[in-house]
Amino acid sequence: MKKINMFLTILIASLASLIALTVIGFTMFVSTPQSTYQSNWMGDMWSRMGGMMGHSTGNVPATAVQNPVPAYFGVVFMALAGVTIFGVGGLAYFVAFPETRTSAVKTGNAVAQPSQNVVAPVNAYESVLKTLNAEERKVVEVLKAHNGKYLQKYIRKEAGLSRLKTHRIVARLAERGIVSLEKTGNTNQVFLENWLKQ
């Protein structure tokens, strides 16, 4: 919650600064007299180029000194825009992915928690089943029914899956460490891992 408040504060401050900077910049640009800028900047540029090429152009008129504030205005505006984007991104991240709250077990003179908050212990097999989709669950249940060891071609028949589907599911389960495979002839012997049999 503190991180959300931090990003919300950054977002509000940077948006307020951006709005203020935009208003100040707009009034500064509007109030700047046009006479300070060259009215014939293209002609002036070519006349100077001609002077560089060896042609004499006579006296080049002195230009008015421009205000350096607009250059700094753009830099400050871009910095505030970056801070605003950071604030929006951080706020969106913490709204989309809220923190997982875990309760810490305190020892010593801690007050005991009510018994209704205690969750019954679950074994590894039941925990893994909750993470599997329906077809993966069928394969694991067929293996469990046959003491954790069965040929892949028979798993296919009992689970009611196609050969390709069974192969892909078994490969996914092996990749996740739920089963292991041993090549047996033209099929695989599939073993449920020991940590799931307990």
Protein backbone atom coordinates (compact mmCIF):
# COMPACT_ATOMS: atom_id res chain seq x y z
CA MET A 1 0.00 0.00 0.00
CA LYS A 2 2.89 2.33 0.76
CA LYS A 3 4.33 1.83 -2.72
CA ILE A 4 0.99 2.67 -4.34
CA ASN A 5 0.80 5.84 -2.26
CA MET A 6 4.36 6.74 -3.30
CA PHE A 7 3.60 6.31 -7.01
CA LEU A 8 0.29 8.14 -6.63
CA THR A 9 2.10 11.07 -4.99
CA ILE A 10 4.74 11.11 -7.74
CA LEU A 11 2.02 11.01 -10.37
CA ILE A 12 -0.02 13.85 -8.87
CA ALA A 13 3.04 16.05 -8.26
CA SER A 14 4.41 15.51 -11.75
CA LEU A 15 1.03 16.11 -13.41
CA ALA A 16 0.57 19.33 -11.44
CA SER A 17 4.09 20.43 -12.40
CA LEU A 18 3.46 19.57 -16.05
CA ILE A 19 0.25 21.57 -16.10
CA ALA A 20 1.93 24.55 -14.41
CA LEU A 21 4.92 24.34 -16.75
CA THR A 22 2.65 24.16 -19.79
CA VAL A 23 0.70 27.24 -18.67
CA ILE A 24 3.92 29.16 -17.92
CA GLY A 25 5.46 28.11 -21.21
CA PHE A 26 2.36 29.04 -23.17
CA THR A 27 2.22 32.50 -21.60
CA MET A 28 5.96 32.95 -22.12
CA PHE A 29 5.78 32.05 -25.82
CA VAL A 30 2.67 34.12 -26.41
CA SER A 31 4.04 37.19 -24.60
CA THR A 32 7.43 37.10 -26.37
CA PRO A 33 7.52 39.97 -28.86
CA GLN A 34 7.94 38.81 -32.43
CA SER A 35 10.42 41.59 -33.23
CA THR A 36 13.22 39.78 -31.37
CA TYR A 37 13.20 36.99 -33.94
CA GLN A 38 14.55 37.39 -37.44
CA SER A 39 11.77 38.15 -39.86
CA ASN A 40 13.93 37.21 -42.84
CA TRP A 41 15.85 34.29 -41.42
CA MET A 42 16.18 32.50 -44.78
CA GLY A 43 17.68 35.57 -46.48
CA ASP A 44 20.02 36.09 -43.56
CA MET A 45 21.18 32.47 -43.72
CA TRP A 46 21.96 32.70 -47.44
CA SER A 47 23.71 36.02 -47.08
CA ARG A 48 26.00 34.56 -44.46
CA MET A 49 26.69 31.52 -46.62
CA GLY A 50 27.60 33.79 -49.47
CA GLY A 51 30.03 35.56 -47.16
CA MET A 52 31.59 32.23 -46.30
CA MET A 53 32.03 31.37 -49.95
CA GLY A 54 34.20 34.39 -50.58
CA HIS A 55 31.55 36.84 -51.70
CA SER A 56 31.31 40.03 -49.79
CA THR A 57 27.83 40.90 -48.65
CA GLY A 58 28.61 44.11 -46.93
CA ASN A 59 27.55 44.57 -43.38
CA VAL A 60 25.55 41.70 -41.95
CA PRO A 61 22.85 43.09 -39.67
CA ALA A 62 23.23 42.18 -36.03
CA THR A 63 20.64 39.77 -34.80
CA ALA A 64 18.70 40.26 -31.64
CA VAL A 65 19.74 38.11 -28.69
CA GLN A 66 17.24 35.34 -28.15
CA ASN A 67 15.96 34.33 -24.75
CA PRO A 68 17.63 31.02 -23.61
CA VAL A 69 14.66 30.08 -21.42
CA PRO A 70 12.72 28.21 -24.17
CA ALA A 71 15.61 25.75 -24.53
CA TYR A 72 15.56 24.98 -20.81
CA PHE A 73 11.79 24.87 -20.89
CA GLY A 74 11.88 21.89 -23.29
CA VAL A 75 14.39 20.00 -21.11
CA VAL A 76 12.34 20.54 -17.95
CA PHE A 77 9.15 19.60 -19.78
CA MET A 78 10.69 16.31 -21.03
CA ALA A 79 12.03 15.48 -17.54
CA LEU A 80 8.61 16.02 -15.98
CA ALA A 81 6.99 13.97 -18.75
CA GLY A 82 9.41 11.13 -17.91
CA VAL A 83 8.57 11.35 -14.20
CA THR A 84 4.87 11.29 -15.08
CA ILE A 85 5.31 8.20 -17.23
CA PHE A 86 7.24 6.57 -14.37
CA GLY A 87 4.43 7.39 -11.94
CA VAL A 88 1.73 6.06 -14.27
CA GLY A 89 3.74 2.89 -14.96
CA GLY A 90 4.42 2.24 -11.28
CA LEU A 91 0.82 2.85 -10.32
CA ALA A 92 -0.42 0.58 -13.10
CA TYR A 93 2.03 -2.15 -12.04
CA PHE A 94 0.92 -2.11 -8.41
CA VAL A 95 -2.76 -2.02 -9.35
CA ALA A 96 -2.39 -4.87 -11.86
CA PHE A 97 -0.11 -7.00 -9.67
CA PRO A 98 -1.04 -6.45 -6.03
CA GLU A 99 1.27 -7.71 -3.33
CA THR A 100 0.62 -11.15 -1.96
CA ARG A 101 0.00 -10.85 1.72
CA THR A 102 1.49 -13.57 3.86
CA SER A 103 1.01 -13.84 7.57
CA ALA A 104 4.20 -14.36 9.50
CA VAL A 105 4.20 -16.87 12.32
CA LYS A 106 5.34 -15.16 15.50
CA THR A 107 6.93 -17.04 18.34
CA GLY A 108 7.29 -16.19 21.99
CA ASN A 109 4.58 -14.12 23.62
CA ALA A 110 2.54 -13.77 20.45
CA VAL A 111 -1.23 -13.91 20.62
CA ALA A 112 -2.59 -17.12 19.11
CA GLN A 113 -4.55 -16.85 15.89
CA PRO A 114 -8.14 -18.13 15.86
CA SER A 115 -8.43 -21.72 14.70
CA GLN A 116 -10.70 -20.86 11.74
CA ASN A 117 -7.72 -19.33 9.87
CA VAL A 118 -5.71 -22.55 10.05
CA VAL A 119 -5.68 -24.43 6.76
CA ALA A 120 -5.45 -28.19 6.88
CA PRO A 121 -2.12 -29.47 5.54
CA VAL A 122 -2.29 -30.68 1.96
CA ASN A 123 0.05 -33.28 0.52
CA ALA A 124 2.18 -32.65 -2.56
CA TYR A 125 0.00 -34.76 -4.84
CA GLU A 126 -3.14 -32.72 -4.11
CA SER A 127 -1.20 -29.46 -4.51
CA VAL A 128 0.14 -30.50 -7.90
CA LEU A 129 -3.31 -31.62 -9.09
CA LYS A 130 -4.62 -28.10 -8.46
CA THR A 131 -2.06 -26.66 -10.89
CA LEU A 132 -2.81 -29.08 -13.75
CA ASN A 133 -5.39 -28.74 -16.48
CA ALA A 134 -8.04 -31.47 -16.93
CA GLU A 135 -6.07 -33.57 -19.44
CA GLU A 136 -2.85 -33.42 -17.42
CA ARG A 137 -4.84 -34.39 -14.35
CA LYS A 138 -6.20 -37.46 -16.18
CA VAL A 139 -2.67 -38.62 -17.01
CA VAL A 140 -1.43 -38.15 -13.45
CA GLU A 141 -4.49 -39.93 -12.02
CA VAL A 142 -3.96 -42.89 -14.37
CA LEU A 143 -0.36 -43.09 -13.16
CA LYS A 144 -1.46 -42.87 -9.50
CA ALA A 145 -3.99 -45.68 -10.08
CA HIS A 146 -1.15 -47.90 -11.37
CA ASN A 147 1.25 -47.23 -8.47
CA GLY A 148 3.07 -44.45 -10.30
CA LYS A 149 4.38 -46.55 -13.21
CA TYR A 150 2.70 -47.21 -16.56
CA LEU A 151 3.43 -47.42 -20.27
CA GLN A 152 2.58 -44.30 -22.27
CA LYS A 153 0.51 -46.22 -24.83
CA TYR A 154 -1.74 -47.56 -22.05
CA ILE A 155 -2.02 -44.14 -20.43
CA ARG A 156 -3.31 -42.91 -23.79
CA LYS A 157 -6.06 -45.52 -23.88
CA GLU A 158 -7.19 -45.09 -20.26
CA ALA A 159 -7.15 -41.28 -20.36
CA GLY A 160 -9.00 -41.24 -23.69
CA LEU A 161 -6.46 -38.97 -25.39
CA SER A 162 -4.84 -39.09 -28.81
CA ARG A 163 -1.30 -40.36 -29.20
CA LEU A 164 0.09 -36.90 -29.96
CA LYS A 165 -1.83 -35.25 -27.12
CA THR A 166 -0.59 -37.88 -24.66
CA HIS A 167 2.99 -37.40 -25.84
CA ARG A 168 2.79 -33.63 -25.42
CA ILE A 169 1.20 -33.86 -21.97
CA VAL A 170 3.76 -36.39 -20.75
CA ALA A 171 6.59 -34.22 -22.13
CA ARG A 172 5.16 -31.15 -20.30
CA LEU A 173 4.83 -33.10 -17.07
CA ALA A 174 8.39 -34.41 -17.40
CA GLU A 175 9.65 -30.87 -18.02
CA ARG A 176 7.93 -29.73 -14.83
CA GLY A 177 9.43 -32.58 -12.80
CA ILE A 178 6.14 -34.35 -12.13
CA VAL A 179 6.97 -37.50 -14.09
CA SER A 180 10.11 -39.10 -15.51
CA LEU A 181 10.43 -41.14 -18.69
CA GLU A 182 12.31 -44.26 -19.63
CA LYS A 183 12.39 -45.49 -23.25
CA THR A 184 10.92 -48.99 -23.53
CA GLY A 185 10.78 -50.38 -27.08
CA ASN A 186 8.66 -48.08 -29.20
CA THR A 187 6.97 -46.41 -26.21
CA ASN A 188 7.91 -44.76 -22.93
CA GLN A 189 7.64 -46.09 -19.42
CA VAL A 190 6.25 -43.16 -17.42
CA PHE A 191 7.05 -42.89 -13.71
CA LEU A 192 5.37 -40.59 -11.22
CA GLU A 193 8.14 -38.85 -9.28
CA ASN A 194 8.80 -40.14 -5.77
CA TRP A 195 7.97 -36.84 -4.08
CA LEU A 196 4.39 -37.16 -5.42
CA LYS A 197 3.86 -40.75 -4.27
CA GLN A 198 4.14 -39.87 -0.57
